Protein backbone atom coordinates (compact mmCIF):
# COMPACT_ATOMS: atom_id res chain seq x y z
CA MET A 1 16.88 -19.71 7.43
CA LYS A 2 13.86 -21.20 9.23
CA LYS A 3 12.79 -17.78 10.48
CA ILE A 4 13.11 -16.30 6.98
CA LYS A 5 11.08 -19.17 5.52
CA LEU A 6 8.46 -18.73 8.23
CA LEU A 7 8.16 -15.00 7.52
CA LYS A 8 7.86 -15.68 3.79
CA GLU A 9 5.06 -18.18 4.40
CA ILE A 10 3.25 -15.72 6.69
CA TRP A 11 3.67 -13.02 4.03
CA LYS A 12 2.16 -15.33 1.41
CA ALA A 13 -0.74 -16.23 3.70
CA SER A 14 -1.55 -12.54 4.20
CA ARG A 15 -1.91 -12.18 0.40
CA PRO A 16 -0.62 -8.58 0.30
CA LEU A 17 -1.55 -8.03 -3.36
CA SER A 18 -5.23 -8.53 -2.52
CA LEU A 19 -5.16 -5.70 0.03
CA THR A 20 -5.83 -3.23 -2.78
CA LEU A 21 -9.50 -4.23 -2.41
CA ALA A 22 -9.69 -2.70 1.06
CA LEU A 23 -7.37 0.17 0.14
CA TYR A 24 -9.48 1.17 -2.84
CA SER A 25 -12.81 0.79 -1.05
CA THR A 26 -11.80 2.99 1.89
CA THR A 27 -10.20 5.51 -0.47
CA LEU A 28 -13.36 5.47 -2.60
CA GLY A 29 -15.46 6.42 0.41
CA MET A 30 -13.08 9.30 1.04
CA ALA A 31 -13.24 10.36 -2.62
CA VAL A 32 -17.03 10.68 -2.47
CA ALA A 33 -16.73 12.62 0.80
CA HIS A 34 -14.23 14.86 -0.99
CA LEU A 35 -16.70 15.48 -3.86
CA GLU A 36 -19.26 16.56 -1.26
CA GLY A 37 -16.77 18.80 0.55
CA GLU A 38 -16.83 16.66 3.71
CA LEU A 39 -13.41 15.01 3.66
CA PHE A 40 -11.65 17.82 5.51
CA SER A 41 -13.19 19.43 8.58
CA GLY A 42 -10.71 22.28 8.93
CA ASP A 43 -8.62 20.46 11.53
CA LEU A 44 -5.89 18.93 9.35
CA SER A 45 -4.34 16.90 12.17
CA TYR A 46 -7.70 15.27 12.98
CA ASP A 47 -8.50 14.67 9.32
CA LEU A 48 -5.16 13.00 8.54
CA GLN A 49 -5.48 10.86 11.68
CA LEU A 50 -8.96 9.72 10.65
CA ILE A 51 -7.80 8.93 7.10
CA PHE A 52 -4.92 6.85 8.49
CA LEU A 53 -7.09 5.02 11.05
CA ILE A 54 -9.83 4.09 8.57
CA THR A 55 -7.35 2.91 5.94
CA THR A 56 -5.46 0.84 8.52
CA ALA A 57 -8.66 -0.72 9.88
CA GLY A 58 -9.70 -1.67 6.36
CA LEU A 59 -6.34 -3.28 5.65
CA PHE A 60 -6.40 -5.25 8.91
CA VAL A 61 -9.91 -6.62 8.42
CA GLN A 62 -8.94 -7.93 5.00
CA THR A 63 -5.64 -9.31 6.28
CA GLY A 64 -7.59 -11.15 8.98
CA THR A 65 -9.94 -12.51 6.34
CA ASN A 66 -6.97 -13.71 4.27
CA PHE A 67 -5.33 -15.45 7.25
CA ILE A 68 -8.55 -17.20 8.27
CA ASN A 69 -9.16 -18.23 4.67
CA ASP A 70 -5.65 -19.67 4.49
CA TYR A 71 -6.13 -21.58 7.75
CA PHE A 72 -9.37 -23.26 6.72
CA GLU A 73 -8.30 -23.95 3.13
CA CYS A 74 -4.61 -24.85 3.58
CA GLU A 75 -5.52 -28.53 3.79
CA TYR A 76 -6.73 -28.31 0.20
CA LYS A 77 -3.86 -26.23 -1.18
CA ASN A 78 -0.82 -27.81 0.51
CA VAL A 79 1.02 -24.57 -0.21
CA HIS A 80 1.90 -23.84 3.38
CA PHE A 81 2.43 -27.45 4.45
CA ILE A 82 5.18 -27.70 7.08
CA GLU A 83 6.14 -31.11 8.38
CA GLY A 84 6.26 -31.65 12.09
CA GLU A 85 4.14 -32.56 15.06
CA LYS A 86 0.40 -31.97 14.76
CA TYR A 87 -1.74 -30.63 17.58
CA ASN A 88 -5.44 -30.83 18.36
CA PHE A 89 -6.87 -27.43 17.51
CA LEU A 90 -10.54 -26.60 16.99
CA GLY A 91 -11.38 -30.27 16.59
CA LYS A 92 -8.69 -31.10 14.02
CA LYS A 93 -5.04 -32.03 13.88
CA ARG A 94 -3.12 -28.95 12.81
CA SER A 95 0.53 -28.02 12.35
CA SER A 96 2.00 -25.28 14.50
CA PHE A 97 2.19 -23.08 11.38
CA SER A 98 -1.52 -23.47 10.66
CA ILE A 99 -2.36 -22.59 14.26
CA LEU A 100 -0.12 -19.53 14.01
CA ILE A 101 -1.95 -18.39 10.87
CA PHE A 102 -5.31 -18.75 12.61
CA LEU A 103 -4.12 -16.76 15.63
CA LEU A 104 -2.72 -14.04 13.36
CA GLY A 105 -6.12 -13.85 11.72
CA ILE A 106 -7.87 -13.42 15.06
CA LEU A 107 -5.25 -10.84 16.08
CA SER A 108 -5.90 -8.90 12.88
CA PHE A 109 -9.64 -8.83 13.63
CA LEU A 110 -8.93 -7.75 17.20
CA ILE A 111 -6.78 -4.86 15.97
CA THR A 112 -9.57 -3.94 13.54
CA ALA A 113 -12.09 -3.93 16.39
CA LEU A 114 -9.89 -1.72 18.59
CA LEU A 115 -9.27 0.71 15.75
CA GLY A 116 -12.98 0.67 14.96
CA LEU A 117 -13.95 1.48 18.53
CA TYR A 118 -11.58 4.43 18.58
CA ILE A 119 -12.87 5.67 15.22
CA ILE A 120 -16.43 5.41 16.55
CA SER A 121 -15.46 7.37 19.66
CA ILE A 122 -14.23 10.32 17.58
CA THR A 123 -16.85 10.18 14.81
CA THR A 124 -20.29 8.53 15.14
CA LYS A 125 -21.89 5.52 16.83
CA LYS A 126 -23.66 4.79 13.54
CA LEU A 127 -20.50 2.92 12.51
CA ILE A 128 -20.96 0.16 15.10
CA LEU A 129 -23.20 -2.07 12.98
CA ILE A 130 -21.08 -1.63 9.85
CA GLY A 131 -17.89 -2.46 11.75
CA ALA A 132 -19.39 -5.56 13.36
CA LEU A 133 -20.74 -6.84 10.05
CA GLY A 134 -17.34 -6.31 8.45
CA ILE A 135 -15.47 -8.38 11.04
CA ILE A 136 -18.08 -11.15 11.25
CA GLY A 137 -18.35 -11.30 7.48
CA GLY A 138 -14.57 -11.43 7.09
CA TYR A 139 -14.27 -14.40 9.43
CA ALA A 140 -17.32 -16.24 8.10
CA TYR A 141 -16.05 -16.19 4.49
CA THR A 142 -14.30 -19.52 5.12
CA GLY A 143 -14.40 -19.64 8.92
CA GLU A 144 -16.36 -22.48 10.49
CA PRO A 145 -19.17 -23.04 11.27
CA ILE A 146 -20.68 -20.60 8.74
CA VAL A 147 -18.30 -20.85 5.72
CA TYR A 148 -20.54 -18.93 3.34
CA LYS A 149 -18.06 -19.45 0.50
CA LYS A 150 -19.11 -23.12 0.39
CA ARG A 151 -22.75 -22.03 0.30
CA GLY A 152 -22.20 -20.18 -2.96
CA LEU A 153 -22.28 -16.80 -1.20
CA GLY A 154 -18.56 -15.98 -1.33
CA THR A 155 -18.73 -13.81 -4.43
CA PRO A 156 -21.92 -11.81 -3.63
CA LEU A 157 -21.09 -11.27 0.04
CA SER A 158 -17.48 -10.31 -0.73
CA PHE A 159 -18.92 -7.66 -3.02
CA VAL A 160 -21.27 -6.36 -0.32
CA LEU A 161 -18.74 -6.43 2.52
CA MET A 162 -15.62 -5.22 0.69
CA GLY A 163 -17.52 -2.92 -1.66
CA PRO A 164 -20.67 -0.99 -0.66
CA LEU A 165 -20.41 -1.65 3.09
CA MET A 166 -16.79 -0.50 3.36
CA VAL A 167 -17.32 2.45 1.01
CA MET A 168 -20.43 3.60 2.89
CA GLY A 169 -18.75 3.09 6.27
CA THR A 170 -15.78 5.22 5.28
CA HIS A 171 -18.05 7.95 3.90
CA LEU A 172 -20.15 7.82 7.08
CA ALA A 173 -17.11 8.49 9.28
CA PHE A 174 -16.55 11.80 7.49
CA SER A 175 -20.11 12.86 6.69
CA GLN A 176 -21.77 11.63 9.93
CA HIS A 177 -24.85 10.49 7.98
CA TYR A 178 -25.99 7.48 5.97
CA SER A 179 -26.13 7.93 2.23
CA TRP A 180 -26.73 5.84 -0.88
CA ARG A 181 -24.51 8.15 -2.92
CA PRO A 182 -21.13 6.55 -2.05
CA ILE A 183 -22.57 3.09 -2.78
CA ILE A 184 -23.91 4.14 -6.18
CA LEU A 185 -20.87 6.18 -7.22
CA GLY A 186 -18.59 3.39 -6.03
CA LEU A 187 -20.17 0.71 -8.20
CA PRO A 188 -17.75 0.90 -11.18
CA ILE A 189 -14.83 0.01 -8.89
CA SER A 190 -16.80 -2.14 -6.43
CA LEU A 191 -18.14 -4.40 -9.18
CA LEU A 192 -14.58 -5.49 -9.91
CA ILE A 193 -14.49 -7.17 -6.48
CA PRO A 194 -16.89 -9.99 -7.46
CA VAL A 195 -15.09 -10.07 -10.82
CA LEU A 196 -11.88 -10.86 -8.97
CA MET A 197 -13.64 -13.43 -6.77
CA LEU A 198 -15.04 -15.12 -9.86
CA SER A 199 -11.58 -15.27 -11.44
CA ASN A 200 -10.46 -17.31 -8.44
CA GLU A 201 -13.51 -19.57 -8.56
CA LEU A 202 -13.22 -20.16 -12.32
CA ARG A 203 -9.55 -21.04 -11.96
CA ASP A 204 -10.32 -23.50 -9.14
CA PHE A 205 -13.50 -24.89 -10.69
CA GLU A 206 -12.20 -28.42 -11.25
CA ARG A 207 -10.53 -28.64 -7.84
CA ASP A 208 -13.53 -27.24 -5.99
CA SER A 209 -15.90 -29.56 -7.84
CA SER A 210 -13.84 -32.63 -6.95
CA LEU A 211 -13.56 -31.58 -3.30
CA GLY A 212 -17.23 -30.74 -2.97
CA ILE A 213 -16.58 -27.04 -2.31
CA ARG A 214 -19.86 -25.54 -3.48
CA THR A 215 -18.76 -22.09 -4.61
CA LEU A 216 -21.06 -19.94 -6.72
CA THR A 217 -19.21 -21.07 -9.85
CA VAL A 218 -19.61 -24.73 -8.94
CA ARG A 219 -23.32 -24.22 -8.24
CA ILE A 220 -24.23 -22.35 -11.42
CA GLY A 221 -21.66 -24.00 -13.69
CA PHE A 222 -18.51 -22.82 -15.45
CA LYS A 223 -20.30 -21.39 -18.50
CA LYS A 224 -22.78 -19.27 -16.52
CA ALA A 225 -19.99 -18.06 -14.22
CA LYS A 226 -18.06 -16.85 -17.29
CA ILE A 227 -21.14 -14.95 -18.46
CA LEU A 228 -21.54 -13.41 -14.99
CA TYR A 229 -17.85 -12.42 -14.98
CA LEU A 230 -18.26 -10.69 -18.35
CA ALA A 231 -21.53 -9.01 -17.34
CA LEU A 232 -20.07 -7.53 -14.15
CA LEU A 233 -16.92 -6.47 -15.96
CA SER A 234 -18.91 -4.76 -18.71
CA SER A 235 -21.11 -3.05 -16.11
CA SER A 236 -18.09 -1.28 -14.59
CA TYR A 237 -17.35 0.40 -17.92
CA LEU A 238 -20.97 1.10 -18.85
CA LEU A 239 -21.70 2.68 -15.46
CA THR A 240 -18.61 4.86 -15.78
CA ILE A 241 -19.83 6.20 -19.13
CA GLY A 242 -23.35 6.64 -17.74
CA PHE A 243 -22.14 8.54 -14.66
CA ILE A 244 -20.07 10.85 -16.84
CA LEU A 245 -23.07 11.60 -19.08
CA LEU A 246 -25.16 12.32 -15.96
CA ASN A 247 -22.41 14.63 -14.60
CA LEU A 248 -21.97 12.37 -11.57
CA TYR A 249 -18.39 11.58 -12.57
CA PRO A 250 -15.72 13.93 -13.93
CA ALA A 251 -14.88 13.54 -17.63
CA ALA A 252 -11.36 12.42 -16.64
CA ALA A 253 -12.84 9.10 -15.48
CA LEU A 254 -13.24 8.29 -19.18
CA LEU A 255 -9.51 7.51 -19.14
CA SER A 256 -10.40 4.23 -17.41
CA LEU A 257 -11.51 3.01 -20.85
CA LEU A 258 -7.81 2.71 -21.64
CA THR A 259 -7.89 -0.48 -19.55
CA LEU A 260 -10.25 -2.23 -21.99
CA PRO A 261 -7.42 -4.23 -23.63
CA LEU A 262 -6.41 -5.47 -20.17
CA ALA A 263 -10.05 -6.37 -19.46
CA TYR A 264 -10.20 -8.37 -22.68
CA LYS A 265 -6.97 -10.17 -21.77
CA ALA A 266 -8.33 -10.95 -18.29
CA TYR A 267 -11.53 -12.44 -19.70
CA GLN A 268 -9.61 -14.53 -22.23
CA ASN A 269 -7.51 -16.10 -19.49
CA VAL A 270 -10.42 -16.59 -17.11
CA ALA A 271 -12.59 -18.15 -19.82
CA GLU A 272 -9.94 -20.85 -20.30
CA ALA A 273 -9.48 -21.33 -16.54
CA GLU A 274 -5.87 -20.16 -16.89
CA LYS A 275 -3.92 -19.37 -13.72
CA LYS A 276 -2.98 -16.01 -15.22
CA GLY A 277 -6.63 -15.00 -15.08
CA VAL A 278 -6.39 -14.08 -11.40
CA PRO A 279 -3.28 -11.83 -11.52
CA VAL A 280 -4.44 -10.18 -14.75
CA THR A 281 -7.86 -9.46 -13.22
CA ASN A 282 -6.06 -8.08 -10.17
CA GLN A 283 -3.97 -5.83 -12.45
CA LEU A 284 -7.18 -4.63 -14.06
CA HIS A 285 -8.69 -3.77 -10.68
CA LEU A 286 -5.50 -1.94 -9.72
CA THR A 287 -5.29 0.11 -12.92
CA PHE A 288 -9.00 0.79 -13.43
CA GLY A 289 -9.46 1.74 -9.78
CA LEU A 290 -6.41 4.01 -9.66
CA ILE A 291 -7.54 5.97 -12.72
CA GLN A 292 -11.04 6.42 -11.34
CA LEU A 293 -9.90 7.44 -7.86
CA LEU A 294 -7.46 10.00 -9.26
CA ALA A 295 -10.23 11.38 -11.46
CA LEU A 296 -12.57 11.72 -8.46
CA PHE A 297 -9.97 13.36 -6.21
CA LEU A 298 -8.86 15.78 -8.91
CA ALA A 299 -12.43 16.75 -9.83
């Protein structure tokens, strides 16, 4: 029973439902490469291997971020509290479970680094900087001493790291050259990343304020954060329509407008700081992103 409970707690700490952020961003980079005719080189075995490696690396870097976030914030949440002896670890008294979560986070980043080095060896050295920024940024989200979430940078940097940077990096592995195109074309889906981050911050506004956790929402206030949430959400739909009119997106992407009722529901819950705001926003990202990716791949 203890082992089962331990595995369940580790599973929760990894936050598997959030991994769609990395999955969609890497897939988005591949979709743009596909539109440009650069996804497949003619060597199917190599291409499938590269697709698998990049997707796996993306999933591991986010898993590492989730574990590190859980380690540094578990003292506030008490979700993973396990009674028992505490040990000195990184200057604080920590339970054996908390230490395990931290080590799993570091292991995830190490696996990401090894996968990244292999990907670089078979593609291009231009990926080195992007890979390093991804790992450092993932740790520093809540990892001490940087903790940019508490500096109000969690939402904007999560967008940059999990959105444009990951999309461009994936595209670069297949195209072998830097390009603004995957960043621009990826915006409708990528903008839902800060939307999801804001849903978390709006839900935790009262708790974060009382604990002195200076997230972006705490810094600008609940009302302005709601406006920002709505503005980013609206931008995803408006950009989709604009890209279709400019022939940058296939007409099939217009089907993503079918998620508007879900978007309205998400905003309603978030605006009232309801707990359902986070899972509903996650459902929106899942559905909206899936429709758009299918449209791009089938174009």
